[in-house]
Amino acid sequence: LGDLAKRANEISPFLTLADGSSAVGKYIGWKEMVSPFDPKKILFQYELEVDGIQKFWKSGNQKIALLFDKLHKGDFVKITRHGEDRDTRYVVVEVEDEDGTVTAKEADEIEEEMAG
């Protein structure tokens, strides 16, 4: 990313990831909201602290909601984006710390998820 894009991401209240990039954040909470693109669809907006900055990230994915449901305030998650535009898939895993350290079990689950 160029300097302007980096700065825009820094000041945005929303977590924005490029294809193949990841972010680790401390889970703060969630709220339910209506999709701005489809008023019949419900999204979940997750509140995270990323690099000491409050960020929001939206997803309507049920598997992701189930993962966040198991988290407690203060737990760390790593969000990785794969793809672009409508062909985007996110992988979200709980991690041990803000460095994104995953356990061997979590690494196996990520590998399995990416294969299927």
N, C-alpha and C. Protein backbone atom coordinates (compact mmCIF):
# COMPACT_ATOMS: atom_id res chain seq x y z
N LEU A 1 0.83 -1.19 0.00
CA LEU A 1 0.00 0.00 0.00
C LEU A 1 0.87 1.25 0.00
N GLY A 2 0.37 2.27 -0.65
CA GLY A 2 1.08 3.54 -0.64
C GLY A 2 0.83 4.29 0.65
N ASP A 3 1.55 5.39 0.83
CA ASP A 3 1.44 6.17 2.07
C ASP A 3 0.02 6.67 2.33
N LEU A 4 -0.66 7.12 1.26
CA LEU A 4 -2.02 7.64 1.43
C LEU A 4 -2.98 6.53 1.85
N ALA A 5 -2.88 5.36 1.22
CA ALA A 5 -3.74 4.24 1.57
C ALA A 5 -3.48 3.78 3.00
N LYS A 6 -2.22 3.76 3.40
CA LYS A 6 -1.88 3.38 4.77
C LYS A 6 -2.50 4.35 5.77
N ARG A 7 -2.39 5.63 5.46
CA ARG A 7 -2.93 6.65 6.36
C ARG A 7 -4.46 6.57 6.43
N ALA A 8 -5.10 6.34 5.28
CA ALA A 8 -6.56 6.21 5.25
C ALA A 8 -7.00 5.03 6.11
N ASN A 9 -6.27 3.92 6.05
CA ASN A 9 -6.60 2.76 6.88
C ASN A 9 -6.39 3.06 8.36
N GLU A 10 -5.36 3.83 8.69
CA GLU A 10 -5.08 4.18 10.08
C GLU A 10 -6.23 4.98 10.70
N ILE A 11 -6.77 5.94 9.95
CA ILE A 11 -7.79 6.83 10.52
C ILE A 11 -9.21 6.29 10.37
N SER A 12 -9.39 5.25 9.56
CA SER A 12 -10.72 4.66 9.39
C SER A 12 -11.12 3.90 10.66
N PRO A 13 -12.39 4.00 11.06
CA PRO A 13 -12.83 3.22 12.21
C PRO A 13 -13.04 1.73 11.88
N PHE A 14 -12.93 1.38 10.58
CA PHE A 14 -13.18 0.02 10.15
C PHE A 14 -11.88 -0.71 9.81
N LEU A 15 -11.84 -1.98 10.15
CA LEU A 15 -10.70 -2.83 9.81
C LEU A 15 -10.79 -3.16 8.33
N THR A 16 -9.75 -2.82 7.58
CA THR A 16 -9.69 -3.08 6.15
C THR A 16 -8.45 -3.91 5.87
N LEU A 17 -8.65 -5.03 5.18
CA LEU A 17 -7.54 -5.92 4.86
C LEU A 17 -7.44 -6.12 3.36
N ALA A 18 -6.22 -6.16 2.85
CA ALA A 18 -5.98 -6.48 1.45
C ALA A 18 -5.89 -8.00 1.31
N ASP A 19 -6.02 -8.49 0.10
CA ASP A 19 -5.92 -9.93 -0.16
C ASP A 19 -4.62 -10.49 0.41
N GLY A 20 -4.73 -11.54 1.19
CA GLY A 20 -3.56 -12.20 1.77
C GLY A 20 -3.04 -11.58 3.05
N SER A 21 -3.62 -10.47 3.47
CA SER A 21 -3.12 -9.83 4.69
C SER A 21 -3.96 -10.24 5.91
N SER A 22 -3.36 -10.04 7.08
CA SER A 22 -3.99 -10.43 8.34
C SER A 22 -3.88 -9.29 9.34
N ALA A 23 -4.75 -9.35 10.34
CA ALA A 23 -4.67 -8.43 11.47
C ALA A 23 -5.01 -9.22 12.73
N VAL A 24 -4.33 -8.89 13.80
CA VAL A 24 -4.62 -9.49 15.10
C VAL A 24 -5.22 -8.40 15.97
N GLY A 25 -6.34 -8.74 16.62
CA GLY A 25 -7.00 -7.76 17.46
C GLY A 25 -7.50 -8.37 18.75
N LYS A 26 -7.66 -7.52 19.74
CA LYS A 26 -8.24 -7.92 21.02
C LYS A 26 -9.75 -7.72 20.91
N TYR A 27 -10.48 -8.78 21.20
CA TYR A 27 -11.94 -8.77 21.09
C TYR A 27 -12.54 -7.92 22.21
N ILE A 28 -13.42 -6.99 21.82
CA ILE A 28 -14.08 -6.13 22.79
C ILE A 28 -15.58 -6.46 22.89
N GLY A 29 -16.22 -6.74 21.76
CA GLY A 29 -17.64 -7.06 21.79
C GLY A 29 -18.24 -7.08 20.40
N TRP A 30 -19.56 -7.18 20.34
CA TRP A 30 -20.26 -7.22 19.07
C TRP A 30 -21.63 -6.58 19.20
N LYS A 31 -22.22 -6.27 18.04
CA LYS A 31 -23.61 -5.83 18.01
C LYS A 31 -24.21 -6.27 16.67
N GLU A 32 -25.51 -6.41 16.67
CA GLU A 32 -26.24 -6.82 15.48
C GLU A 32 -26.64 -5.58 14.69
N MET A 33 -26.59 -5.68 13.36
CA MET A 33 -26.99 -4.55 12.53
C MET A 33 -27.58 -5.04 11.22
N VAL A 34 -28.30 -4.18 10.55
CA VAL A 34 -28.87 -4.50 9.24
C VAL A 34 -27.83 -4.17 8.18
N SER A 35 -27.71 -5.05 7.19
CA SER A 35 -26.76 -4.82 6.10
C SER A 35 -27.12 -3.55 5.35
N PRO A 36 -26.13 -2.70 5.05
CA PRO A 36 -26.44 -1.49 4.27
C PRO A 36 -26.77 -1.82 2.81
N PHE A 37 -26.46 -3.04 2.37
CA PHE A 37 -26.69 -3.44 0.98
C PHE A 37 -27.99 -4.23 0.80
N ASP A 38 -28.46 -4.88 1.88
CA ASP A 38 -29.67 -5.69 1.82
C ASP A 38 -30.39 -5.58 3.16
N PRO A 39 -31.47 -4.79 3.23
CA PRO A 39 -32.14 -4.57 4.51
C PRO A 39 -32.77 -5.82 5.11
N LYS A 40 -32.81 -6.93 4.35
CA LYS A 40 -33.34 -8.18 4.88
C LYS A 40 -32.26 -9.05 5.50
N LYS A 41 -31.00 -8.61 5.39
CA LYS A 41 -29.87 -9.40 5.88
C LYS A 41 -29.30 -8.79 7.17
N ILE A 42 -29.01 -9.65 8.13
CA ILE A 42 -28.43 -9.22 9.40
C ILE A 42 -26.92 -9.46 9.36
N LEU A 43 -26.17 -8.48 9.82
CA LEU A 43 -24.72 -8.60 9.96
C LEU A 43 -24.36 -8.45 11.43
N PHE A 44 -23.19 -8.92 11.76
CA PHE A 44 -22.65 -8.70 13.08
C PHE A 44 -21.45 -7.78 12.94
N GLN A 45 -21.41 -6.75 13.77
CA GLN A 45 -20.28 -5.83 13.77
C GLN A 45 -19.46 -6.12 15.02
N TYR A 46 -18.22 -6.55 14.79
CA TYR A 46 -17.33 -6.91 15.89
C TYR A 46 -16.43 -5.73 16.20
N GLU A 47 -16.26 -5.48 17.49
CA GLU A 47 -15.39 -4.40 17.94
C GLU A 47 -14.08 -5.03 18.42
N LEU A 48 -12.98 -4.52 17.87
CA LEU A 48 -11.65 -5.04 18.17
C LEU A 48 -10.72 -3.89 18.50
N GLU A 49 -9.66 -4.21 19.20
CA GLU A 49 -8.57 -3.25 19.40
C GLU A 49 -7.38 -3.80 18.62
N VAL A 50 -7.00 -3.07 17.57
CA VAL A 50 -5.90 -3.49 16.70
C VAL A 50 -4.78 -2.47 16.81
N ASP A 51 -3.62 -2.91 17.26
CA ASP A 51 -2.48 -2.01 17.46
C ASP A 51 -2.85 -0.82 18.35
N GLY A 52 -3.67 -1.09 19.36
CA GLY A 52 -4.06 -0.05 20.31
C GLY A 52 -5.15 0.88 19.81
N ILE A 53 -5.72 0.60 18.63
CA ILE A 53 -6.74 1.46 18.04
C ILE A 53 -8.05 0.68 17.91
N GLN A 54 -9.17 1.31 18.30
CA GLN A 54 -10.48 0.68 18.18
C GLN A 54 -10.84 0.57 16.70
N LYS A 55 -11.21 -0.66 16.27
CA LYS A 55 -11.62 -0.91 14.88
C LYS A 55 -12.89 -1.75 14.89
N PHE A 56 -13.70 -1.58 13.85
CA PHE A 56 -14.92 -2.36 13.68
C PHE A 56 -14.78 -3.21 12.42
N TRP A 57 -15.34 -4.42 12.49
CA TRP A 57 -15.30 -5.34 11.35
C TRP A 57 -16.65 -6.03 11.26
N LYS A 58 -17.24 -6.06 10.05
CA LYS A 58 -18.57 -6.61 9.86
C LYS A 58 -18.51 -7.94 9.12
N SER A 59 -19.39 -8.86 9.51
CA SER A 59 -19.53 -10.13 8.82
C SER A 59 -20.91 -10.71 9.11
N GLY A 60 -21.48 -11.34 8.10
CA GLY A 60 -22.74 -12.04 8.28
C GLY A 60 -22.54 -13.55 8.31
N ASN A 61 -21.28 -13.99 8.26
CA ASN A 61 -20.96 -15.41 8.21
C ASN A 61 -21.28 -16.10 9.54
N GLN A 62 -22.06 -17.18 9.46
CA GLN A 62 -22.49 -17.90 10.66
C GLN A 62 -21.32 -18.59 11.38
N LYS A 63 -20.38 -19.18 10.62
CA LYS A 63 -19.23 -19.85 11.25
C LYS A 63 -18.39 -18.85 12.03
N ILE A 64 -18.24 -17.67 11.48
CA ILE A 64 -17.48 -16.63 12.17
C ILE A 64 -18.22 -16.21 13.44
N ALA A 65 -19.53 -16.08 13.35
CA ALA A 65 -20.32 -15.71 14.54
C ALA A 65 -20.17 -16.77 15.64
N LEU A 66 -20.16 -18.05 15.25
CA LEU A 66 -20.00 -19.11 16.24
C LEU A 66 -18.63 -19.04 16.92
N LEU A 67 -17.59 -18.69 16.15
CA LEU A 67 -16.26 -18.55 16.75
C LEU A 67 -16.25 -17.38 17.74
N PHE A 68 -16.78 -16.23 17.32
CA PHE A 68 -16.79 -15.07 18.22
C PHE A 68 -17.64 -15.33 19.46
N ASP A 69 -18.68 -16.16 19.34
CA ASP A 69 -19.53 -16.47 20.47
C ASP A 69 -18.76 -17.18 21.59
N LYS A 70 -17.70 -17.88 21.24
CA LYS A 70 -16.90 -18.61 22.22
C LYS A 70 -15.84 -17.73 22.89
N LEU A 71 -15.64 -16.53 22.35
CA LEU A 71 -14.60 -15.64 22.88
C LEU A 71 -15.10 -14.87 24.09
N HIS A 72 -14.15 -14.43 24.88
CA HIS A 72 -14.42 -13.54 26.00
C HIS A 72 -13.74 -12.20 25.70
N LYS A 73 -14.27 -11.17 26.30
CA LYS A 73 -13.66 -9.85 26.15
C LYS A 73 -12.19 -9.94 26.56
N GLY A 74 -11.31 -9.46 25.68
CA GLY A 74 -9.87 -9.50 25.95
C GLY A 74 -9.15 -10.62 25.22
N ASP A 75 -9.89 -11.59 24.67
CA ASP A 75 -9.26 -12.64 23.87
C ASP A 75 -8.76 -12.05 22.56
N PHE A 76 -7.77 -12.71 21.97
CA PHE A 76 -7.19 -12.24 20.71
C PHE A 76 -7.66 -13.10 19.55
N VAL A 77 -7.92 -12.45 18.40
CA VAL A 77 -8.28 -13.15 17.17
C VAL A 77 -7.40 -12.66 16.03
N LYS A 78 -7.18 -13.56 15.09
CA LYS A 78 -6.44 -13.21 13.87
C LYS A 78 -7.41 -13.36 12.70
N ILE A 79 -7.56 -12.29 11.94
CA ILE A 79 -8.44 -12.27 10.78
C ILE A 79 -7.56 -12.18 9.53
N THR A 80 -7.76 -13.12 8.60
CA THR A 80 -6.99 -13.13 7.37
C THR A 80 -7.95 -13.10 6.18
N ARG A 81 -7.64 -12.25 5.22
CA ARG A 81 -8.47 -12.12 4.03
C ARG A 81 -7.84 -12.90 2.88
N HIS A 82 -8.69 -13.64 2.17
CA HIS A 82 -8.27 -14.36 0.97
C HIS A 82 -9.22 -14.00 -0.15
N GLY A 83 -8.72 -13.37 -1.21
CA GLY A 83 -9.55 -13.00 -2.35
C GLY A 83 -9.84 -11.51 -2.39
N GLU A 84 -10.59 -11.14 -3.43
CA GLU A 84 -10.93 -9.73 -3.63
C GLU A 84 -12.39 -9.58 -4.03
N ASP A 85 -12.94 -8.43 -3.77
CA ASP A 85 -14.32 -8.09 -4.11
C ASP A 85 -15.29 -9.16 -3.62
N ARG A 86 -16.17 -9.64 -4.49
CA ARG A 86 -17.18 -10.63 -4.10
C ARG A 86 -16.59 -12.03 -3.93
N ASP A 87 -15.36 -12.23 -4.38
CA ASP A 87 -14.69 -13.53 -4.25
C ASP A 87 -13.75 -13.50 -3.05
N THR A 88 -14.24 -13.00 -1.94
CA THR A 88 -13.43 -12.86 -0.73
C THR A 88 -13.90 -13.84 0.34
N ARG A 89 -12.92 -14.43 1.00
CA ARG A 89 -13.20 -15.33 2.12
C ARG A 89 -12.29 -14.93 3.27
N TYR A 90 -12.83 -14.92 4.47
CA TYR A 90 -12.05 -14.58 5.65
C TYR A 90 -11.86 -15.82 6.51
N VAL A 91 -10.67 -15.96 7.06
CA VAL A 91 -10.38 -17.00 8.03
C VAL A 91 -10.14 -16.29 9.35
N VAL A 92 -10.89 -16.69 10.38
CA VAL A 92 -10.78 -16.08 11.69
C VAL A 92 -10.44 -17.18 12.69
N VAL A 93 -9.37 -16.97 13.45
CA VAL A 93 -8.97 -17.94 14.47
C VAL A 93 -8.62 -17.23 15.76
N GLU A 94 -8.89 -17.90 16.86
CA GLU A 94 -8.45 -17.37 18.15
C GLU A 94 -6.96 -17.61 18.25
N VAL A 95 -6.24 -16.62 18.74
CA VAL A 95 -4.80 -16.74 18.92
C VAL A 95 -4.44 -16.46 20.37
N GLU A 96 -3.23 -16.83 20.72
CA GLU A 96 -2.79 -16.74 22.12
C GLU A 96 -2.46 -15.32 22.58
N ASP A 97 -1.97 -14.50 21.63
CA ASP A 97 -1.50 -13.18 22.03
C ASP A 97 -1.57 -12.21 20.85
N GLU A 98 -1.19 -10.96 21.11
CA GLU A 98 -1.28 -9.93 20.07
C GLU A 98 -0.28 -10.12 18.94
N ASP A 99 0.68 -11.05 19.11
CA ASP A 99 1.60 -11.37 18.02
C ASP A 99 0.99 -12.37 17.05
N GLY A 100 -0.16 -12.93 17.40
CA GLY A 100 -0.85 -13.87 16.51
C GLY A 100 -0.38 -15.30 16.64
N THR A 101 0.22 -15.65 17.77
CA THR A 101 0.71 -17.00 17.98
C THR A 101 -0.48 -17.98 18.05
N VAL A 102 -0.43 -19.01 17.20
CA VAL A 102 -1.49 -20.02 17.20
C VAL A 102 -0.96 -21.32 17.80
N THR A 103 -1.85 -22.08 18.37
CA THR A 103 -1.46 -23.39 18.90
C THR A 103 -1.36 -24.38 17.75
N ALA A 104 -0.74 -25.53 17.99
CA ALA A 104 -0.61 -26.57 16.96
C ALA A 104 -2.00 -27.02 16.50
N LYS A 105 -2.94 -27.17 17.43
CA LYS A 105 -4.30 -27.58 17.08
C LYS A 105 -4.95 -26.55 16.16
N GLU A 106 -4.80 -25.27 16.49
CA GLU A 106 -5.38 -24.22 15.66
C GLU A 106 -4.74 -24.20 14.27
N ALA A 107 -3.43 -24.44 14.20
CA ALA A 107 -2.74 -24.48 12.91
C ALA A 107 -3.30 -25.61 12.05
N ASP A 108 -3.55 -26.76 12.66
CA ASP A 108 -4.14 -27.89 11.92
C ASP A 108 -5.54 -27.54 11.43
N GLU A 109 -6.33 -26.88 12.27
CA GLU A 109 -7.69 -26.49 11.89
C GLU A 109 -7.68 -25.48 10.74
N ILE A 110 -6.73 -24.56 10.75
CA ILE A 110 -6.62 -23.58 9.67
C ILE A 110 -6.29 -24.30 8.37
N GLU A 111 -5.33 -25.21 8.43
CA GLU A 111 -4.93 -25.95 7.25
C GLU A 111 -6.11 -26.75 6.69
N GLU A 112 -6.87 -27.38 7.57
CA GLU A 112 -8.03 -28.16 7.16
C GLU A 112 -9.10 -27.26 6.53
N GLU A 113 -9.33 -26.11 7.13
CA GLU A 113 -10.32 -25.15 6.64
C GLU A 113 -9.93 -24.66 5.24
N MET A 114 -8.68 -24.37 5.03
CA MET A 114 -8.22 -23.85 3.74
C MET A 114 -8.28 -24.93 2.66
N ALA A 115 -8.12 -26.20 3.04
CA ALA A 115 -8.15 -27.30 2.07
C ALA A 115 -9.58 -27.58 1.61
N GLY A 116 -10.55 -27.35 2.49
CA GLY A 116 -11.95 -27.70 2.17
C GLY A 116 -12.71 -26.53 1.80
